[in-house]
Amino acid sequence: SRLPPEYNQVQPEILYNGILDQLIQ
C-alpha cells in the first residue's frame, strides 16, 4: 500500500513474490 503508483501495473503474483522475498531477507 506504500509503494509508488507505478507498481499498480505489476501482476499480483509477481508483486507478492517480490515483497515476500524482501520481508524474508
mmCIF file of all heavy atoms, coordinates in Angstrom:
data_MODEL
# 
_entry.id   MODEL 
# 
loop_
_atom_site.group_PDB 
_atom_site.id 
_atom_site.type_symbol 
_atom_site.label_atom_id 
_atom_site.label_alt_id 
_atom_site.label_comp_id 
_atom_site.label_asym_id 
_atom_site.label_entity_id 
_atom_site.label_seq_id 
_atom_site.pdbx_PDB_ins_code 
_atom_site.Cartn_x 
_atom_site.Cartn_y 
_atom_site.Cartn_z 
_atom_site.occupancy 
_atom_site.B_iso_or_equiv 
_atom_site.pdbx_formal_charge 
_atom_site.auth_seq_id 
_atom_site.auth_comp_id 
_atom_site.auth_asym_id 
_atom_site.auth_atom_id 
_atom_site.pdbx_PDB_model_num 
ATOM 1   N N   . SER A 1 1  ? 0.815  -1.222  0.000   1.00 0.00 ? 1  SER A N   1 
ATOM 2   C CA  . SER A 1 1  ? 0.000  0.000   0.000   1.00 0.00 ? 1  SER A CA  1 
ATOM 3   C C   . SER A 1 1  ? 0.840  1.260   0.000   1.00 0.00 ? 1  SER A C   1 
ATOM 4   O O   . SER A 1 1  ? 0.334  2.353   -0.283  1.00 0.00 ? 1  SER A O   1 
ATOM 5   C CB  . SER A 1 1  ? -0.935 0.008   1.215   1.00 0.00 ? 1  SER A CB  1 
ATOM 6   O OG  . SER A 1 1  ? -0.201 0.155   2.421   1.00 0.00 ? 1  SER A OG  1 
ATOM 7   N N   . ARG A 1 2  ? 2.136  1.123   0.309   1.00 0.00 ? 2  ARG A N   1 
ATOM 8   C CA  . ARG A 1 2  ? 3.012  2.283   0.373   1.00 0.00 ? 2  ARG A CA  1 
ATOM 9   C C   . ARG A 1 2  ? 3.945  2.391   -0.833  1.00 0.00 ? 2  ARG A C   1 
ATOM 10  O O   . ARG A 1 2  ? 4.820  3.253   -0.865  1.00 0.00 ? 2  ARG A O   1 
ATOM 11  C CB  . ARG A 1 2  ? 3.831  2.249   1.665   1.00 0.00 ? 2  ARG A CB  1 
ATOM 12  C CG  . ARG A 1 2  ? 3.001  2.570   2.896   1.00 0.00 ? 2  ARG A CG  1 
ATOM 13  C CD  . ARG A 1 2  ? 3.774  2.365   4.194   1.00 0.00 ? 2  ARG A CD  1 
ATOM 14  N NE  . ARG A 1 2  ? 3.056  2.930   5.309   1.00 0.00 ? 2  ARG A NE  1 
ATOM 15  C CZ  . ARG A 1 2  ? 1.987  2.376   5.887   1.00 0.00 ? 2  ARG A CZ  1 
ATOM 16  N NH1 . ARG A 1 2  ? 1.528  1.217   5.436   1.00 0.00 ? 2  ARG A NH1 1 
ATOM 17  N NH2 . ARG A 1 2  ? 1.382  2.965   6.898   1.00 0.00 ? 2  ARG A NH2 1 
ATOM 18  N N   . LEU A 1 3  ? 3.760  1.511   -1.803  1.00 0.00 ? 3  LEU A N   1 
ATOM 19  C CA  . LEU A 1 3  ? 4.586  1.570   -2.999  1.00 0.00 ? 3  LEU A CA  1 
ATOM 20  C C   . LEU A 1 3  ? 4.090  2.671   -3.929  1.00 0.00 ? 3  LEU A C   1 
ATOM 21  O O   . LEU A 1 3  ? 2.919  3.029   -3.906  1.00 0.00 ? 3  LEU A O   1 
ATOM 22  C CB  . LEU A 1 3  ? 4.551  0.224   -3.728  1.00 0.00 ? 3  LEU A CB  1 
ATOM 23  C CG  . LEU A 1 3  ? 5.233  -0.947  -3.012  1.00 0.00 ? 3  LEU A CG  1 
ATOM 24  C CD1 . LEU A 1 3  ? 5.031  -2.232  -3.805  1.00 0.00 ? 3  LEU A CD1 1 
ATOM 25  C CD2 . LEU A 1 3  ? 6.726  -0.680  -2.814  1.00 0.00 ? 3  LEU A CD2 1 
ATOM 26  N N   . PRO A 1 4  ? 4.969  3.205   -4.785  1.00 0.00 ? 4  PRO A N   1 
ATOM 27  C CA  . PRO A 1 4  ? 4.555  4.233   -5.752  1.00 0.00 ? 4  PRO A CA  1 
ATOM 28  C C   . PRO A 1 4  ? 3.493  3.698   -6.708  1.00 0.00 ? 4  PRO A C   1 
ATOM 29  O O   . PRO A 1 4  ? 3.383  2.481   -6.907  1.00 0.00 ? 4  PRO A O   1 
ATOM 30  C CB  . PRO A 1 4  ? 5.866  4.545   -6.510  1.00 0.00 ? 4  PRO A CB  1 
ATOM 31  C CG  . PRO A 1 4  ? 6.953  4.136   -5.576  1.00 0.00 ? 4  PRO A CG  1 
ATOM 32  C CD  . PRO A 1 4  ? 6.420  2.952   -4.815  1.00 0.00 ? 4  PRO A CD  1 
ATOM 33  N N   . PRO A 1 5  ? 2.703  4.594   -7.321  1.00 0.00 ? 5  PRO A N   1 
ATOM 34  C CA  . PRO A 1 5  ? 1.587  4.179   -8.183  1.00 0.00 ? 5  PRO A CA  1 
ATOM 35  C C   . PRO A 1 5  ? 1.984  3.260   -9.328  1.00 0.00 ? 5  PRO A C   1 
ATOM 36  O O   . PRO A 1 5  ? 1.182  2.432   -9.766  1.00 0.00 ? 5  PRO A O   1 
ATOM 37  C CB  . PRO A 1 5  ? 1.055  5.516   -8.723  1.00 0.00 ? 5  PRO A CB  1 
ATOM 38  C CG  . PRO A 1 5  ? 1.449  6.521   -7.698  1.00 0.00 ? 5  PRO A CG  1 
ATOM 39  C CD  . PRO A 1 5  ? 2.757  6.048   -7.150  1.00 0.00 ? 5  PRO A CD  1 
ATOM 40  N N   . GLU A 1 6  ? 3.232  3.366   -9.836  1.00 0.00 ? 6  GLU A N   1 
ATOM 41  C CA  . GLU A 1 6  ? 3.610  2.537   -10.985 1.00 0.00 ? 6  GLU A CA  1 
ATOM 42  C C   . GLU A 1 6  ? 3.588  1.047   -10.664 1.00 0.00 ? 6  GLU A C   1 
ATOM 43  O O   . GLU A 1 6  ? 3.482  0.211   -11.566 1.00 0.00 ? 6  GLU A O   1 
ATOM 44  C CB  . GLU A 1 6  ? 4.990  2.932   -11.519 1.00 0.00 ? 6  GLU A CB  1 
ATOM 45  C CG  . GLU A 1 6  ? 6.110  2.897   -10.501 1.00 0.00 ? 6  GLU A CG  1 
ATOM 46  C CD  . GLU A 1 6  ? 6.379  4.260   -9.886  1.00 0.00 ? 6  GLU A CD  1 
ATOM 47  O OE1 . GLU A 1 6  ? 5.425  5.061   -9.798  1.00 0.00 ? 6  GLU A OE1 1 
ATOM 48  O OE2 . GLU A 1 6  ? 7.531  4.512   -9.514  1.00 0.00 ? 6  GLU A OE2 1 
ATOM 49  N N   . TYR A 1 7  ? 3.642  0.713   -9.376  1.00 0.00 ? 7  TYR A N   1 
ATOM 50  C CA  . TYR A 1 7  ? 3.611  -0.702  -9.004  1.00 0.00 ? 7  TYR A CA  1 
ATOM 51  C C   . TYR A 1 7  ? 2.199  -1.289  -9.128  1.00 0.00 ? 7  TYR A C   1 
ATOM 52  O O   . TYR A 1 7  ? 2.024  -2.496  -9.022  1.00 0.00 ? 7  TYR A O   1 
ATOM 53  C CB  . TYR A 1 7  ? 4.138  -0.894  -7.578  1.00 0.00 ? 7  TYR A CB  1 
ATOM 54  C CG  . TYR A 1 7  ? 5.644  -0.835  -7.511  1.00 0.00 ? 7  TYR A CG  1 
ATOM 55  C CD1 . TYR A 1 7  ? 6.304  0.389   -7.411  1.00 0.00 ? 7  TYR A CD1 1 
ATOM 56  C CD2 . TYR A 1 7  ? 6.415  -1.985  -7.584  1.00 0.00 ? 7  TYR A CD2 1 
ATOM 57  C CE1 . TYR A 1 7  ? 7.682  0.454   -7.373  1.00 0.00 ? 7  TYR A CE1 1 
ATOM 58  C CE2 . TYR A 1 7  ? 7.795  -1.927  -7.545  1.00 0.00 ? 7  TYR A CE2 1 
ATOM 59  C CZ  . TYR A 1 7  ? 8.422  -0.697  -7.441  1.00 0.00 ? 7  TYR A CZ  1 
ATOM 60  O OH  . TYR A 1 7  ? 9.798  -0.640  -7.416  1.00 0.00 ? 7  TYR A OH  1 
ATOM 61  N N   . ASN A 1 8  ? 1.203  -0.424  -9.359  1.00 0.00 ? 8  ASN A N   1 
ATOM 62  C CA  . ASN A 1 8  ? -0.155 -0.932  -9.578  1.00 0.00 ? 8  ASN A CA  1 
ATOM 63  C C   . ASN A 1 8  ? -0.251 -1.739  -10.864 1.00 0.00 ? 8  ASN A C   1 
ATOM 64  O O   . ASN A 1 8  ? -1.200 -2.503  -11.058 1.00 0.00 ? 8  ASN A O   1 
ATOM 65  C CB  . ASN A 1 8  ? -1.146 0.237   -9.640  1.00 0.00 ? 8  ASN A CB  1 
ATOM 66  C CG  . ASN A 1 8  ? -1.288 0.952   -8.309  1.00 0.00 ? 8  ASN A CG  1 
ATOM 67  O OD1 . ASN A 1 8  ? -1.034 0.364   -7.258  1.00 0.00 ? 8  ASN A OD1 1 
ATOM 68  N ND2 . ASN A 1 8  ? -1.675 2.211   -8.344  1.00 0.00 ? 8  ASN A ND2 1 
ATOM 69  N N   . GLN A 1 9  ? 0.730  -1.561  -11.766 1.00 0.00 ? 9  GLN A N   1 
ATOM 70  C CA  . GLN A 1 9  ? 0.709  -2.276  -13.035 1.00 0.00 ? 9  GLN A CA  1 
ATOM 71  C C   . GLN A 1 9  ? 1.322  -3.668  -12.925 1.00 0.00 ? 9  GLN A C   1 
ATOM 72  O O   . GLN A 1 9  ? 1.206  -4.461  -13.859 1.00 0.00 ? 9  GLN A O   1 
ATOM 73  C CB  . GLN A 1 9  ? 1.481  -1.466  -14.092 1.00 0.00 ? 9  GLN A CB  1 
ATOM 74  C CG  . GLN A 1 9  ? 1.048  -0.024  -14.223 1.00 0.00 ? 9  GLN A CG  1 
ATOM 75  C CD  . GLN A 1 9  ? -0.423 0.107   -14.568 1.00 0.00 ? 9  GLN A CD  1 
ATOM 76  O OE1 . GLN A 1 9  ? -0.949 -0.645  -15.395 1.00 0.00 ? 9  GLN A OE1 1 
ATOM 77  N NE2 . GLN A 1 9  ? -1.102 1.055   -13.933 1.00 0.00 ? 9  GLN A NE2 1 
ATOM 78  N N   . VAL A 1 10 ? 1.971  -3.948  -11.790 1.00 0.00 ? 10 VAL A N   1 
ATOM 79  C CA  . VAL A 1 10 ? 2.623  -5.244  -11.619 1.00 0.00 ? 10 VAL A CA  1 
ATOM 80  C C   . VAL A 1 10 ? 1.585  -6.315  -11.297 1.00 0.00 ? 10 VAL A C   1 
ATOM 81  O O   . VAL A 1 10 ? 0.675  -6.090  -10.488 1.00 0.00 ? 10 VAL A O   1 
ATOM 82  C CB  . VAL A 1 10 ? 3.685  -5.177  -10.489 1.00 0.00 ? 10 VAL A CB  1 
ATOM 83  C CG1 . VAL A 1 10 ? 4.344  -6.540  -10.289 1.00 0.00 ? 10 VAL A CG1 1 
ATOM 84  C CG2 . VAL A 1 10 ? 4.728  -4.122  -10.818 1.00 0.00 ? 10 VAL A CG2 1 
ATOM 85  N N   . GLN A 1 11 ? 1.726  -7.468  -11.914 1.00 0.00 ? 11 GLN A N   1 
ATOM 86  C CA  . GLN A 1 11 ? 0.792  -8.565  -11.654 1.00 0.00 ? 11 GLN A CA  1 
ATOM 87  C C   . GLN A 1 11 ? 0.845  -8.964  -10.181 1.00 0.00 ? 11 GLN A C   1 
ATOM 88  O O   . GLN A 1 11 ? 1.931  -9.034  -9.595  1.00 0.00 ? 11 GLN A O   1 
ATOM 89  C CB  . GLN A 1 11 ? 1.126  -9.766  -12.536 1.00 0.00 ? 11 GLN A CB  1 
ATOM 90  C CG  . GLN A 1 11 ? 0.935  -9.508  -14.018 1.00 0.00 ? 11 GLN A CG  1 
ATOM 91  C CD  . GLN A 1 11 ? 1.254  -10.730 -14.867 1.00 0.00 ? 11 GLN A CD  1 
ATOM 92  O OE1 . GLN A 1 11 ? 1.554  -11.798 -14.337 1.00 0.00 ? 11 GLN A OE1 1 
ATOM 93  N NE2 . GLN A 1 11 ? 1.200  -10.562 -16.173 1.00 0.00 ? 11 GLN A NE2 1 
ATOM 94  N N   . PRO A 1 12 ? -0.321 -9.245  -9.568  1.00 0.00 ? 12 PRO A N   1 
ATOM 95  C CA  . PRO A 1 12 ? -0.366 -9.548  -8.126  1.00 0.00 ? 12 PRO A CA  1 
ATOM 96  C C   . PRO A 1 12 ? 0.591  -10.647 -7.692  1.00 0.00 ? 12 PRO A C   1 
ATOM 97  O O   . PRO A 1 12 ? 1.242  -10.531 -6.652  1.00 0.00 ? 12 PRO A O   1 
ATOM 98  C CB  . PRO A 1 12 ? -1.827 -9.952  -7.907  1.00 0.00 ? 12 PRO A CB  1 
ATOM 99  C CG  . PRO A 1 12 ? -2.579 -9.225  -8.969  1.00 0.00 ? 12 PRO A CG  1 
ATOM 100 C CD  . PRO A 1 12 ? -1.676 -9.212  -10.168 1.00 0.00 ? 12 PRO A CD  1 
ATOM 101 N N   . GLU A 1 13 ? 0.693  -11.728 -8.470  1.00 0.00 ? 13 GLU A N   1 
ATOM 102 C CA  . GLU A 1 13 ? 1.567  -12.831 -8.054  1.00 0.00 ? 13 GLU A CA  1 
ATOM 103 C C   . GLU A 1 13 ? 3.027  -12.405 -8.039  1.00 0.00 ? 13 GLU A C   1 
ATOM 104 O O   . GLU A 1 13 ? 3.786  -12.749 -7.130  1.00 0.00 ? 13 GLU A O   1 
ATOM 105 C CB  . GLU A 1 13 ? 1.390  -14.023 -8.994  1.00 0.00 ? 13 GLU A CB  1 
ATOM 106 C CG  . GLU A 1 13 ? 2.228  -15.233 -8.575  1.00 0.00 ? 13 GLU A CG  1 
ATOM 107 C CD  . GLU A 1 13 ? 2.004  -16.451 -9.459  1.00 0.00 ? 13 GLU A CD  1 
ATOM 108 O OE1 . GLU A 1 13 ? 1.181  -16.376 -10.384 1.00 0.00 ? 13 GLU A OE1 1 
ATOM 109 O OE2 . GLU A 1 13 ? 2.671  -17.474 -9.221  1.00 0.00 ? 13 GLU A OE2 1 
ATOM 110 N N   . ILE A 1 14 ? 3.423  -11.612 -9.053  1.00 0.00 ? 14 ILE A N   1 
ATOM 111 C CA  . ILE A 1 14 ? 4.807  -11.144 -9.115  1.00 0.00 ? 14 ILE A CA  1 
ATOM 112 C C   . ILE A 1 14 ? 5.088  -10.168 -7.976  1.00 0.00 ? 14 ILE A C   1 
ATOM 113 O O   . ILE A 1 14 ? 6.132  -10.225 -7.328  1.00 0.00 ? 14 ILE A O   1 
ATOM 114 C CB  . ILE A 1 14 ? 5.071  -10.476 -10.480 1.00 0.00 ? 14 ILE A CB  1 
ATOM 115 C CG1 . ILE A 1 14 ? 4.944  -11.517 -11.598 1.00 0.00 ? 14 ILE A CG1 1 
ATOM 116 C CG2 . ILE A 1 14 ? 6.453  -9.836  -10.514 1.00 0.00 ? 14 ILE A CG2 1 
ATOM 117 C CD1 . ILE A 1 14 ? 5.043  -10.933 -12.988 1.00 0.00 ? 14 ILE A CD1 1 
ATOM 118 N N   . LEU A 1 15 ? 4.133  -9.263  -7.708  1.00 0.00 ? 15 LEU A N   1 
ATOM 119 C CA  . LEU A 1 15 ? 4.294  -8.313  -6.608  1.00 0.00 ? 15 LEU A CA  1 
ATOM 120 C C   . LEU A 1 15 ? 4.377  -9.048  -5.278  1.00 0.00 ? 15 LEU A C   1 
ATOM 121 O O   . LEU A 1 15 ? 5.225  -8.735  -4.426  1.00 0.00 ? 15 LEU A O   1 
ATOM 122 C CB  . LEU A 1 15 ? 3.118  -7.332  -6.602  1.00 0.00 ? 15 LEU A CB  1 
ATOM 123 C CG  . LEU A 1 15 ? 3.193  -6.183  -5.592  1.00 0.00 ? 15 LEU A CG  1 
ATOM 124 C CD1 . LEU A 1 15 ? 4.375  -5.280  -5.900  1.00 0.00 ? 15 LEU A CD1 1 
ATOM 125 C CD2 . LEU A 1 15 ? 1.898  -5.377  -5.609  1.00 0.00 ? 15 LEU A CD2 1 
ATOM 126 N N   . TYR A 1 16 ? 3.522  -10.043 -5.106  1.00 0.00 ? 16 TYR A N   1 
ATOM 127 C CA  . TYR A 1 16 ? 3.508  -10.836 -3.874  1.00 0.00 ? 16 TYR A CA  1 
ATOM 128 C C   . TYR A 1 16 ? 4.866  -11.497 -3.647  1.00 0.00 ? 16 TYR A C   1 
ATOM 129 O O   . TYR A 1 16 ? 5.447  -11.413 -2.561  1.00 0.00 ? 16 TYR A O   1 
ATOM 130 C CB  . TYR A 1 16 ? 2.409  -11.890 -3.963  1.00 0.00 ? 16 TYR A CB  1 
ATOM 131 C CG  . TYR A 1 16 ? 2.442  -12.923 -2.853  1.00 0.00 ? 16 TYR A CG  1 
ATOM 132 C CD1 . TYR A 1 16 ? 1.860  -12.654 -1.622  1.00 0.00 ? 16 TYR A CD1 1 
ATOM 133 C CD2 . TYR A 1 16 ? 3.060  -14.156 -3.037  1.00 0.00 ? 16 TYR A CD2 1 
ATOM 134 C CE1 . TYR A 1 16 ? 1.891  -13.590 -0.606  1.00 0.00 ? 16 TYR A CE1 1 
ATOM 135 C CE2 . TYR A 1 16 ? 3.098  -15.099 -2.023  1.00 0.00 ? 16 TYR A CE2 1 
ATOM 136 C CZ  . TYR A 1 16 ? 2.517  -14.812 -0.807  1.00 0.00 ? 16 TYR A CZ  1 
ATOM 137 O OH  . TYR A 1 16 ? 2.553  -15.740 0.196   1.00 0.00 ? 16 TYR A OH  1 
ATOM 138 N N   . ASN A 1 17 ? 5.386  -12.150 -4.683  1.00 0.00 ? 17 ASN A N   1 
ATOM 139 C CA  . ASN A 1 17 ? 6.670  -12.832 -4.538  1.00 0.00 ? 17 ASN A CA  1 
ATOM 140 C C   . ASN A 1 17 ? 7.793  -11.869 -4.215  1.00 0.00 ? 17 ASN A C   1 
ATOM 141 O O   . ASN A 1 17 ? 8.657  -12.134 -3.367  1.00 0.00 ? 17 ASN A O   1 
ATOM 142 C CB  . ASN A 1 17 ? 7.008  -13.592 -5.832  1.00 0.00 ? 17 ASN A CB  1 
ATOM 143 C CG  . ASN A 1 17 ? 6.154  -14.835 -6.011  1.00 0.00 ? 17 ASN A CG  1 
ATOM 144 O OD1 . ASN A 1 17 ? 5.763  -15.462 -5.046  1.00 0.00 ? 17 ASN A OD1 1 
ATOM 145 N ND2 . ASN A 1 17 ? 5.857  -15.171 -7.258  1.00 0.00 ? 17 ASN A ND2 1 
ATOM 146 N N   . GLY A 1 18 ? 7.792  -10.700 -4.897  1.00 0.00 ? 18 GLY A N   1 
ATOM 147 C CA  . GLY A 1 18 ? 8.849  -9.727  -4.667  1.00 0.00 ? 18 GLY A CA  1 
ATOM 148 C C   . GLY A 1 18 ? 8.828  -9.175  -3.254  1.00 0.00 ? 18 GLY A C   1 
ATOM 149 O O   . GLY A 1 18 ? 9.875  -9.057  -2.608  1.00 0.00 ? 18 GLY A O   1 
ATOM 150 N N   . ILE A 1 19 ? 7.637  -8.831  -2.764  1.00 0.00 ? 19 ILE A N   1 
ATOM 151 C CA  . ILE A 1 19 ? 7.534  -8.279  -1.413  1.00 0.00 ? 19 ILE A CA  1 
ATOM 152 C C   . ILE A 1 19 ? 7.861  -9.339  -0.371  1.00 0.00 ? 19 ILE A C   1 
ATOM 153 O O   . ILE A 1 19 ? 8.567  -9.061  0.619   1.00 0.00 ? 19 ILE A O   1 
ATOM 154 C CB  . ILE A 1 19 ? 6.125  -7.699  -1.178  1.00 0.00 ? 19 ILE A CB  1 
ATOM 155 C CG1 . ILE A 1 19 ? 5.912  -6.469  -2.068  1.00 0.00 ? 19 ILE A CG1 1 
ATOM 156 C CG2 . ILE A 1 19 ? 5.926  -7.330  0.285   1.00 0.00 ? 19 ILE A CG2 1 
ATOM 157 C CD1 . ILE A 1 19 ? 4.527  -5.870  -1.978  1.00 0.00 ? 19 ILE A CD1 1 
ATOM 158 N N   . LEU A 1 20 ? 7.366  -10.556 -0.554  1.00 0.00 ? 20 LEU A N   1 
ATOM 159 C CA  . LEU A 1 20 ? 7.647  -11.612 0.414   1.00 0.00 ? 20 LEU A CA  1 
ATOM 160 C C   . LEU A 1 20 ? 9.142  -11.898 0.489   1.00 0.00 ? 20 LEU A C   1 
ATOM 161 O O   . LEU A 1 20 ? 9.699  -12.069 1.582   1.00 0.00 ? 20 LEU A O   1 
ATOM 162 C CB  . LEU A 1 20 ? 6.880  -12.885 0.042   1.00 0.00 ? 20 LEU A CB  1 
ATOM 163 C CG  . LEU A 1 20 ? 7.056  -14.075 1.011   1.00 0.00 ? 20 LEU A CG  1 
ATOM 164 C CD1 . LEU A 1 20 ? 6.672  -13.667 2.432   1.00 0.00 ? 20 LEU A CD1 1 
ATOM 165 C CD2 . LEU A 1 20 ? 6.232  -15.259 0.538   1.00 0.00 ? 20 LEU A CD2 1 
ATOM 166 N N   . ASP A 1 21 ? 9.812  -11.939 -0.652  1.00 0.00 ? 21 ASP A N   1 
ATOM 167 C CA  . ASP A 1 21 ? 11.264 -12.133 -0.649  1.00 0.00 ? 21 ASP A CA  1 
ATOM 168 C C   . ASP A 1 21 ? 11.954 -11.022 0.127   1.00 0.00 ? 21 ASP A C   1 
ATOM 169 O O   . ASP A 1 21 ? 12.886 -11.267 0.910   1.00 0.00 ? 21 ASP A O   1 
ATOM 170 C CB  . ASP A 1 21 ? 11.796 -12.156 -2.082  1.00 0.00 ? 21 ASP A CB  1 
ATOM 171 C CG  . ASP A 1 21 ? 11.477 -13.460 -2.796  1.00 0.00 ? 21 ASP A CG  1 
ATOM 172 O OD1 . ASP A 1 21 ? 11.115 -14.430 -2.113  1.00 0.00 ? 21 ASP A OD1 1 
ATOM 173 O OD2 . ASP A 1 21 ? 11.582 -13.500 -4.040  1.00 0.00 ? 21 ASP A OD2 1 
ATOM 174 N N   . GLN A 1 22 ? 11.489 -9.780  -0.063  1.00 0.00 ? 22 GLN A N   1 
ATOM 175 C CA  . GLN A 1 22 ? 12.110 -8.668  0.660   1.00 0.00 ? 22 GLN A CA  1 
ATOM 176 C C   . GLN A 1 22 ? 11.903 -8.814  2.165   1.00 0.00 ? 22 GLN A C   1 
ATOM 177 O O   . GLN A 1 22 ? 12.843 -8.612  2.948   1.00 0.00 ? 22 GLN A O   1 
ATOM 178 C CB  . GLN A 1 22 ? 11.536 -7.328  0.202   1.00 0.00 ? 22 GLN A CB  1 
ATOM 179 C CG  . GLN A 1 22 ? 12.011 -6.177  1.101   1.00 0.00 ? 22 GLN A CG  1 
ATOM 180 C CD  . GLN A 1 22 ? 11.638 -4.820  0.588   1.00 0.00 ? 22 GLN A CD  1 
ATOM 181 O OE1 . GLN A 1 22 ? 11.681 -4.572  -0.604  1.00 0.00 ? 22 GLN A OE1 1 
ATOM 182 N NE2 . GLN A 1 22 ? 11.288 -3.922  1.492   1.00 0.00 ? 22 GLN A NE2 1 
ATOM 183 N N   . LEU A 1 23 ? 10.692 -9.140  2.573   1.00 0.00 ? 23 LEU A N   1 
ATOM 184 C CA  . LEU A 1 23 ? 10.411 -9.265  4.008   1.00 0.00 ? 23 LEU A CA  1 
ATOM 185 C C   . LEU A 1 23 ? 11.228 -10.382 4.640   1.00 0.00 ? 23 LEU A C   1 
ATOM 186 O O   . LEU A 1 23 ? 11.720 -10.246 5.777   1.00 0.00 ? 23 LEU A O   1 
ATOM 187 C CB  . LEU A 1 23 ? 8.916  -9.503  4.223   1.00 0.00 ? 23 LEU A CB  1 
ATOM 188 C CG  . LEU A 1 23 ? 8.000  -8.314  3.873   1.00 0.00 ? 23 LEU A CG  1 
ATOM 189 C CD1 . LEU A 1 23 ? 6.539  -8.718  3.989   1.00 0.00 ? 23 LEU A CD1 1 
ATOM 190 C CD2 . LEU A 1 23 ? 8.301  -7.121  4.765   1.00 0.00 ? 23 LEU A CD2 1 
ATOM 191 N N   . ILE A 1 24 ? 11.369 -11.481 3.933   1.00 0.00 ? 24 ILE A N   1 
ATOM 192 C CA  . ILE A 1 24 ? 12.184 -12.595 4.456   1.00 0.00 ? 24 ILE A CA  1 
ATOM 193 C C   . ILE A 1 24 ? 13.633 -12.147 4.597   1.00 0.00 ? 24 ILE A C   1 
ATOM 194 O O   . ILE A 1 24 ? 14.277 -12.380 5.641   1.00 0.00 ? 24 ILE A O   1 
ATOM 195 C CB  . ILE A 1 24 ? 12.071 -13.823 3.537   1.00 0.00 ? 24 ILE A CB  1 
ATOM 196 C CG1 . ILE A 1 24 ? 10.682 -14.439 3.648   1.00 0.00 ? 24 ILE A CG1 1 
ATOM 197 C CG2 . ILE A 1 24 ? 13.144 -14.859 3.886   1.00 0.00 ? 24 ILE A CG2 1 
ATOM 198 C CD1 . ILE A 1 24 ? 10.406 -15.545 2.648   1.00 0.00 ? 24 ILE A CD1 1 
ATOM 199 N N   . GLN A 1 25 ? 14.164 -11.504 3.580   1.00 0.00 ? 25 GLN A N   1 
ATOM 200 C CA  . GLN A 1 25 ? 15.558 -11.065 3.631   1.00 0.00 ? 25 GLN A CA  1 
ATOM 201 C C   . GLN A 1 25 ? 15.764 -10.002 4.699   1.00 0.00 ? 25 GLN A C   1 
ATOM 202 O O   . GLN A 1 25 ? 16.786 -9.986  5.390   1.00 0.00 ? 25 GLN A O   1 
ATOM 203 C CB  . GLN A 1 25 ? 15.980 -10.556 2.256   1.00 0.00 ? 25 GLN A CB  1 
ATOM 204 C CG  . GLN A 1 25 ? 16.048 -11.660 1.202   1.00 0.00 ? 25 GLN A CG  1 
ATOM 205 C CD  . GLN A 1 25 ? 16.313 -11.136 -0.188  1.00 0.00 ? 25 GLN A CD  1 
ATOM 206 O OE1 . GLN A 1 25 ? 16.757 -9.998  -0.364  1.00 0.00 ? 25 GLN A OE1 1 
ATOM 207 N NE2 . GLN A 1 25 ? 16.036 -11.953 -1.204  1.00 0.00 ? 25 GLN A NE2 1 
# 
